[in-house]
């Protein structure tokens, strides 16, 4: 079997055509680790992406106070290192081989090259990473919910956010984007890869909304997604069960991105966003974003890169929360 045909059989590469795979295969590496070997160290710079060809690895997350625990295990076909690969930030978890394991390595410098020379290929690869990462997030949120169910009543303190949010009578209103400070908008990370003309183009298709504190951002039409950027204020991400909020796991603040109605339908049953202060949020309809690849590719690929980075960074947030809860209540969750 040729290497190209071998890659075609791996779901991660399923969106790439034969020509793209033939090109990419020249830039992939392979490596094997023995049981017990540390593949990646949390906090260091690595930035390459690892696809497990065979074997099992353990994902360990360290928290302040020398707390470290296994967050999850990954098997053949899964990836790791995706956060640093897409963002070039420090590695967010230590990866240890549970047994002898082999890997296909996708080098960060290759992704940088593709983003410039072949953005359509970079997009396909980043989208594949986002799909796998979303599956990890769903799995780990379910594991956190299982942990919370094990806690006896009264064991876990009631978060003041859960007590105060959401607010039943919280409302929203539309805002005139022309009255927002353009110098603020230009410096938001979301727009950092775009020139003035592209930002002008996007602003013609962006709606701005002002939300009261405590407004739950859960549009009734679950099929309608919104790419949302915080112009002012902040939003909290909550784990929920049966429409009841159980645990706050992240705060999204000024200039940051989130997606209303998420990417995976099952996440709508597991999590929700609530404004934790009065907020103004810039929103792009997801259907419009999908059309951008044809009408304005520069905007499309720039937005896609930010979206995919946001999704992959979320997996560390969820892993960290799982480890923290597991350690804090280890006496009742074991």
Protein backbone atom coordinates (compact mmCIF):
# COMPACT_ATOMS: atom_id res chain seq x y z
CA UNK A 1 0.00 0.00 0.00
CA UNK A 2 1.35 3.44 -0.92
CA UNK A 3 1.76 6.05 1.78
CA UNK A 4 -0.93 8.19 0.11
CA UNK A 5 -3.42 5.30 0.21
CA UNK A 6 -2.48 4.66 3.83
CA UNK A 7 -3.24 8.28 4.71
CA UNK A 8 -6.54 8.12 2.80
CA UNK A 9 -7.62 5.39 5.20
CA UNK A 10 -7.08 7.65 8.23
CA UNK A 11 -10.22 9.74 9.03
CA UNK A 12 -8.09 12.75 9.97
CA UNK A 13 -7.01 13.15 6.32
CA UNK A 14 -10.40 12.35 4.78
CA UNK A 15 -11.04 15.89 3.45
CA UNK A 16 -7.78 16.03 1.47
CA UNK A 17 -7.76 14.87 -2.15
CA UNK A 18 -5.08 12.65 -3.72
CA UNK A 19 -2.99 15.56 -5.01
CA UNK A 20 -3.06 17.28 -1.63
CA UNK A 21 -2.07 14.08 0.17
CA UNK A 22 0.74 13.43 -2.31
CA UNK A 23 2.07 16.92 -1.60
CA UNK A 24 1.65 16.67 2.16
CA UNK A 25 3.29 13.27 2.59
CA UNK A 26 6.67 14.82 1.84
CA UNK A 27 6.39 16.98 4.95
CA UNK A 28 5.22 14.42 7.54
CA UNK A 29 7.46 12.68 10.06
CA UNK A 30 7.17 9.38 11.94
CA UNK A 31 8.40 8.41 15.40
CA UNK A 32 8.02 5.62 17.95
CA UNK A 33 8.08 5.92 21.76
CA UNK A 34 8.47 3.15 24.31
CA UNK A 35 6.10 2.64 27.25
CA UNK A 36 6.68 5.25 29.95
CA UNK A 37 8.46 7.75 27.71
CA UNK A 38 7.34 11.38 27.95
CA UNK A 39 6.46 12.62 24.48
CA UNK A 40 5.51 16.21 25.33
CA UNK A 41 6.15 18.26 28.49
CA UNK A 42 3.51 20.73 29.67
CA UNK A 43 4.75 24.32 29.62
CA UNK A 44 7.46 23.80 27.00
CA UNK A 45 7.33 24.89 23.37
CA UNK A 46 6.78 22.13 20.87
CA UNK A 47 4.06 23.19 18.41
CA UNK A 48 4.02 19.99 16.30
CA UNK A 49 0.88 17.88 15.91
CA UNK A 50 0.93 14.15 16.71
CA UNK A 51 -1.46 11.62 15.17
CA UNK A 52 -1.46 8.28 16.98
CA UNK A 53 -0.76 5.52 14.47
CA UNK A 54 -0.71 2.73 17.07
CA UNK A 55 -0.67 2.47 20.84
CA UNK A 56 -2.11 4.47 23.75
CA UNK A 57 -1.01 7.70 25.43
CA UNK A 58 -1.93 9.31 28.75
CA UNK A 59 -2.73 13.04 28.99
CA UNK A 60 -1.56 14.61 32.28
CA UNK A 61 -2.48 18.17 33.28
CA UNK A 62 -0.57 20.03 36.01
CA UNK A 63 -2.25 22.77 38.05
CA UNK A 64 -0.77 25.34 40.48
CA UNK A 65 0.28 23.76 43.76
CA UNK A 66 2.00 20.75 42.16
CA UNK A 67 -1.35 19.11 41.42
CA UNK A 68 -1.08 16.71 38.50
CA UNK A 69 -3.42 14.00 37.37
CA UNK A 70 -4.36 12.05 34.29
CA UNK A 71 -7.09 13.90 32.40
CA UNK A 72 -7.74 11.27 29.73
CA UNK A 73 -6.20 8.64 27.46
CA UNK A 74 -5.99 8.70 23.68
CA UNK A 75 -5.86 5.82 21.21
CA UNK A 76 -4.98 5.19 17.56
CA UNK A 77 -6.55 7.71 15.19
CA UNK A 78 -6.65 10.50 17.76
CA UNK A 79 -4.40 13.54 17.91
CA UNK A 80 -2.57 15.55 20.57
CA UNK A 81 -0.51 18.72 20.65
CA UNK A 82 -3.24 20.53 18.73
CA UNK A 83 -3.38 23.62 20.98
CA UNK A 84 0.29 24.54 20.56
CA UNK A 85 0.18 23.42 16.91
CA UNK A 86 -2.51 25.93 15.95
CA UNK A 87 -1.56 28.76 18.32
CA UNK A 88 2.21 28.25 18.85
CA UNK A 89 1.52 28.70 22.58
CA UNK A 90 3.24 26.52 25.23
CA UNK A 91 2.14 22.89 25.42
CA UNK A 92 -0.91 22.56 27.69
CA UNK A 93 -0.47 18.96 28.92
CA UNK A 94 2.20 16.31 29.36
CA UNK A 95 1.78 13.29 27.10
CA UNK A 96 3.16 9.91 28.20
CA UNK A 97 3.21 6.66 26.23
CA UNK A 98 1.21 3.99 28.08
CA UNK A 99 2.61 1.31 25.79
CA UNK A 100 4.92 1.26 22.81
CA UNK A 101 3.30 3.68 20.39
CA UNK A 102 3.99 5.10 16.93
CA UNK A 103 3.02 8.50 15.59
CA UNK A 104 2.69 10.52 12.42
CA UNK A 105 4.06 14.03 13.07
CA UNK A 106 2.77 17.14 11.33
CA UNK A 107 5.31 19.94 11.75
CA UNK A 108 4.21 23.44 12.71
CA UNK A 109 6.50 25.04 10.13
CA UNK A 110 4.55 23.16 7.44
CA UNK A 111 1.26 24.58 8.69
CA UNK A 112 2.77 28.07 8.57
CA UNK A 113 3.78 27.47 4.97
CA UNK A 114 0.34 26.15 4.02
CA UNK A 115 -1.43 29.12 5.61
CA UNK A 116 0.45 31.41 3.23
CA UNK A 117 0.83 29.33 0.06
CA UNK A 118 -2.15 26.93 0.18
CA UNK A 119 -4.73 28.35 2.62
CA UNK A 120 -7.42 25.91 1.40
CA UNK A 121 -5.23 22.99 2.59
CA UNK A 122 -4.46 24.68 5.89
CA UNK A 123 -8.20 25.20 6.38
CA UNK A 124 -8.99 21.52 5.76
CA UNK A 125 -6.34 20.41 8.25
CA UNK A 126 -7.42 22.91 10.90
CA UNK A 127 -11.07 21.93 10.41
CA UNK A 128 -10.16 18.27 10.94
CA UNK A 129 -8.33 19.22 14.15
CA UNK A 130 -11.39 21.18 15.30
CA UNK A 131 -13.70 18.20 14.69
CA UNK A 132 -11.53 15.86 16.77
CA UNK A 133 -11.10 18.48 19.48
CA UNK A 134 -14.86 19.06 19.67
CA UNK A 135 -15.35 15.33 20.25
CA UNK A 136 -12.80 15.50 23.09
CA UNK A 137 -14.62 18.45 24.64
CA UNK A 138 -17.97 16.64 24.53
CA UNK A 139 -16.44 13.53 26.11
CA UNK A 140 -14.68 15.45 28.87
CA UNK A 141 -17.70 17.61 29.74
CA UNK A 142 -19.65 14.37 30.19
CA UNK A 143 -16.88 13.11 32.48
CA UNK A 144 -17.08 16.30 34.55
CA UNK A 145 -20.86 15.91 34.83
CA UNK A 146 -20.35 12.33 36.01
CA UNK A 147 -17.90 13.59 38.65
CA UNK A 148 -20.34 16.23 39.86
CA UNK A 149 -23.06 13.60 40.23
CA UNK A 150 -20.82 11.68 42.65
CA UNK A 151 -20.57 14.61 45.04
CA UNK A 152 -22.90 14.36 48.05
CA UNK A 153 -25.30 17.28 48.47
CA UNK A 154 -23.54 20.14 50.18
CA UNK A 155 -20.06 18.84 49.34
CA UNK A 156 -19.49 21.35 46.57
CA UNK A 157 -19.96 25.00 47.43
CA UNK A 158 -22.65 26.84 45.51
CA UNK A 159 -20.97 29.16 43.07
CA UNK A 160 -22.20 32.73 43.41
CA UNK A 161 -22.47 32.76 39.63
CA UNK A 162 -24.90 29.84 39.64
CA UNK A 163 -26.94 31.52 42.37
CA UNK A 164 -27.11 34.88 40.56
CA UNK A 165 -27.20 33.76 36.92
CA UNK A 166 -29.09 33.65 34.67
CA UNK A 167 -31.48 36.57 35.28
CA UNK A 168 -35.03 35.75 34.20
CA UNK A 169 -35.94 39.27 33.08
CA UNK A 170 -32.62 40.07 31.37
CA UNK A 171 -33.17 41.65 27.97
CA UNK A 172 -31.22 42.59 24.84
CA UNK A 173 -31.31 45.35 22.23
CA UNK A 174 -29.59 46.04 18.93
CA UNK A 175 -26.76 48.56 18.68
CA UNK A 176 -25.67 50.76 15.78
CA UNK A 177 -22.22 49.45 14.76
CA UNK A 178 -21.31 52.85 13.31
CA UNK A 179 -21.44 54.29 16.84
CA UNK A 180 -18.96 51.78 18.26
CA UNK A 181 -15.34 52.85 18.66
CA UNK A 182 -13.49 51.80 15.53
CA UNK A 183 -10.09 51.90 17.29
CA UNK A 184 -11.42 49.25 19.70
CA UNK A 185 -12.68 47.07 16.87
CA UNK A 186 -9.46 47.31 14.85
CA UNK A 187 -7.41 46.07 17.81
CA UNK A 188 -9.59 43.06 18.67
CA UNK A 189 -7.66 39.82 18.21
CA UNK A 190 -10.44 38.54 15.97
CA UNK A 191 -9.55 41.16 13.33
CA UNK A 192 -5.77 41.09 13.81
CA UNK A 193 -5.05 39.22 10.54
CA UNK A 194 -7.21 41.51 8.43
CA UNK A 195 -6.52 44.79 6.66
CA UNK A 196 -8.72 47.87 6.92
CA UNK A 197 -10.68 47.07 3.74
CA UNK A 198 -11.51 43.58 4.94
CA UNK A 199 -12.61 44.88 8.33
CA UNK A 200 -14.79 47.48 6.58
CA UNK A 201 -16.33 44.68 4.51
CA UNK A 202 -17.07 42.53 7.58
CA UNK A 203 -18.58 45.40 9.55
CA UNK A 204 -21.22 45.73 6.83
CA UNK A 205 -22.38 42.22 7.74
CA UNK A 206 -21.89 42.28 11.52
CA UNK A 207 -24.71 42.97 13.96
CA UNK A 208 -24.06 44.42 17.41
CA UNK A 209 -26.27 43.56 20.38
CA UNK A 210 -26.32 44.83 23.94
CA UNK A 211 -27.19 42.15 26.51
CA UNK A 212 -28.12 42.70 30.15
CA UNK A 213 -26.16 40.86 32.83
CA UNK A 214 -27.54 37.36 33.23
CA UNK A 215 -28.82 36.89 29.67
CA UNK A 216 -28.52 33.27 28.53
CA UNK A 217 -27.20 33.21 24.98
CA UNK A 218 -29.15 30.23 23.76
CA UNK A 219 -31.11 31.11 20.60
CA UNK A 220 -34.30 29.03 20.26
CA UNK A 221 -33.37 27.99 16.72
CA UNK A 222 -30.61 25.46 17.50
CA UNK A 223 -29.63 25.25 13.84
CA UNK A 224 -28.68 28.94 13.73
CA UNK A 225 -25.13 29.54 14.89
CA UNK A 226 -23.53 32.90 15.55
CA UNK A 227 -19.83 33.72 15.62
CA UNK A 228 -19.65 36.15 18.54
CA UNK A 229 -16.89 38.59 19.52
CA UNK A 230 -17.05 40.48 22.81
CA UNK A 231 -16.75 44.24 22.27
CA UNK A 232 -17.36 44.99 25.96
CA UNK A 233 -18.34 42.98 29.03
CA UNK A 234 -17.88 39.25 29.60
CA UNK A 235 -19.60 35.91 29.12
CA UNK A 236 -19.37 32.75 31.24
CA UNK A 237 -19.43 29.18 29.94
CA UNK A 238 -21.47 26.84 32.13
CA UNK A 239 -21.86 23.09 32.16
CA UNK A 240 -25.56 22.32 32.44
CA UNK A 241 -27.84 19.35 32.91
CA UNK A 242 -31.57 19.29 32.23
CA UNK A 243 -31.38 23.05 31.59
CA UNK A 244 -29.94 23.62 35.08
CA UNK A 245 -26.47 25.18 35.32
CA UNK A 246 -24.07 22.97 37.27
CA UNK A 247 -20.59 24.43 36.94
CA UNK A 248 -18.92 27.52 35.48
CA UNK A 249 -15.73 26.51 33.66
CA UNK A 250 -14.56 29.59 31.74
CA UNK A 251 -14.92 33.35 31.33
CA UNK A 252 -14.75 34.88 27.85
CA UNK A 253 -13.74 38.53 28.00
CA UNK A 254 -13.05 41.59 25.86
CA UNK A 255 -11.99 40.81 22.32
CA UNK A 256 -12.44 37.06 22.64
CA UNK A 257 -14.50 34.75 20.48
CA UNK A 258 -17.19 32.15 21.11
CA UNK A 259 -19.90 30.47 19.05
CA UNK A 260 -23.54 30.63 20.08
CA UNK A 261 -25.18 27.24 19.57
CA UNK A 262 -21.73 25.65 19.41
CA UNK A 263 -20.38 23.48 16.59
CA UNK A 264 -21.57 20.10 17.84
CA UNK A 265 -25.35 19.77 18.39
CA UNK A 266 -24.78 17.65 21.50
CA UNK A 267 -22.93 20.53 23.17
CA UNK A 268 -26.18 22.50 23.28
CA UNK A 269 -27.47 19.95 25.79
CA UNK A 270 -24.25 20.03 27.85
CA UNK A 271 -23.28 23.69 28.06
CA UNK A 272 -24.50 27.27 27.71
CA UNK A 273 -23.22 30.85 27.70
CA UNK A 274 -24.52 33.56 30.06
CA UNK A 275 -23.46 37.21 30.20
CA UNK A 276 -21.92 37.86 33.61
CA UNK A 277 -22.08 41.65 33.17
CA UNK A 278 -23.74 44.06 30.77
CA UNK A 279 -22.14 43.28 27.43
CA UNK A 280 -21.99 44.39 23.81
CA UNK A 281 -21.35 41.51 21.43
CA UNK A 282 -20.54 41.61 17.72
CA UNK A 283 -22.22 38.76 15.86
CA UNK A 284 -21.72 37.18 12.45
CA UNK A 285 -24.33 34.77 11.16
CA UNK A 286 -22.65 31.40 10.57
CA UNK A 287 -24.36 30.95 7.20
CA UNK A 288 -22.81 34.20 6.01
CA UNK A 289 -19.39 33.03 7.24
CA UNK A 290 -19.70 29.84 5.17
CA UNK A 291 -20.37 31.90 2.02
CA UNK A 292 -17.22 33.96 2.59
CA UNK A 293 -14.94 31.31 1.10
CA UNK A 294 -16.30 32.27 -2.32
CA UNK A 295 -16.98 35.99 -1.94
CA UNK A 296 -14.01 37.00 0.26
CA UNK A 297 -11.46 34.18 0.80
CA UNK A 298 -9.08 36.40 2.79
CA UNK A 299 -11.76 37.06 5.41
CA UNK A 300 -12.89 33.44 5.39
CA UNK A 301 -9.48 31.93 6.07
CA UNK A 302 -8.59 34.56 8.67
CA UNK A 303 -11.84 33.97 10.58
CA UNK A 304 -11.45 30.20 10.24
CA UNK A 305 -7.99 30.31 11.79
CA UNK A 306 -9.29 32.21 14.83
CA UNK A 307 -12.28 29.87 15.13
CA UNK A 308 -10.16 26.74 15.03
CA UNK A 309 -7.72 28.17 17.59
CA UNK A 310 -10.63 28.96 19.91
CA UNK A 311 -12.03 25.44 19.67
CA UNK A 312 -8.70 23.73 20.31
CA UNK A 313 -7.87 26.00 23.25
CA UNK A 314 -11.18 25.00 24.86
CA UNK A 315 -10.04 21.40 25.27
CA UNK A 316 -7.38 22.51 27.77
CA UNK A 317 -9.98 24.48 29.76
CA UNK A 318 -12.16 21.38 30.07
CA UNK A 319 -9.22 19.07 30.89
CA UNK A 320 -8.01 21.48 33.59
CA UNK A 321 -11.46 21.62 35.19
CA UNK A 322 -11.73 17.83 35.20
CA UNK A 323 -8.37 17.49 36.96
CA UNK A 324 -9.16 20.24 39.47
CA UNK A 325 -12.53 18.75 40.47
CA UNK A 326 -11.10 15.23 40.55
CA UNK A 327 -8.28 16.33 42.86
CA UNK A 328 -10.35 18.60 45.11
CA UNK A 329 -12.98 15.95 45.78
CA UNK A 330 -10.88 12.82 45.33
CA UNK A 331 -12.09 11.39 48.65
CA UNK A 332 -15.69 11.20 47.39
CA UNK A 333 -15.20 10.64 43.66
CA UNK A 334 -13.00 7.56 43.78
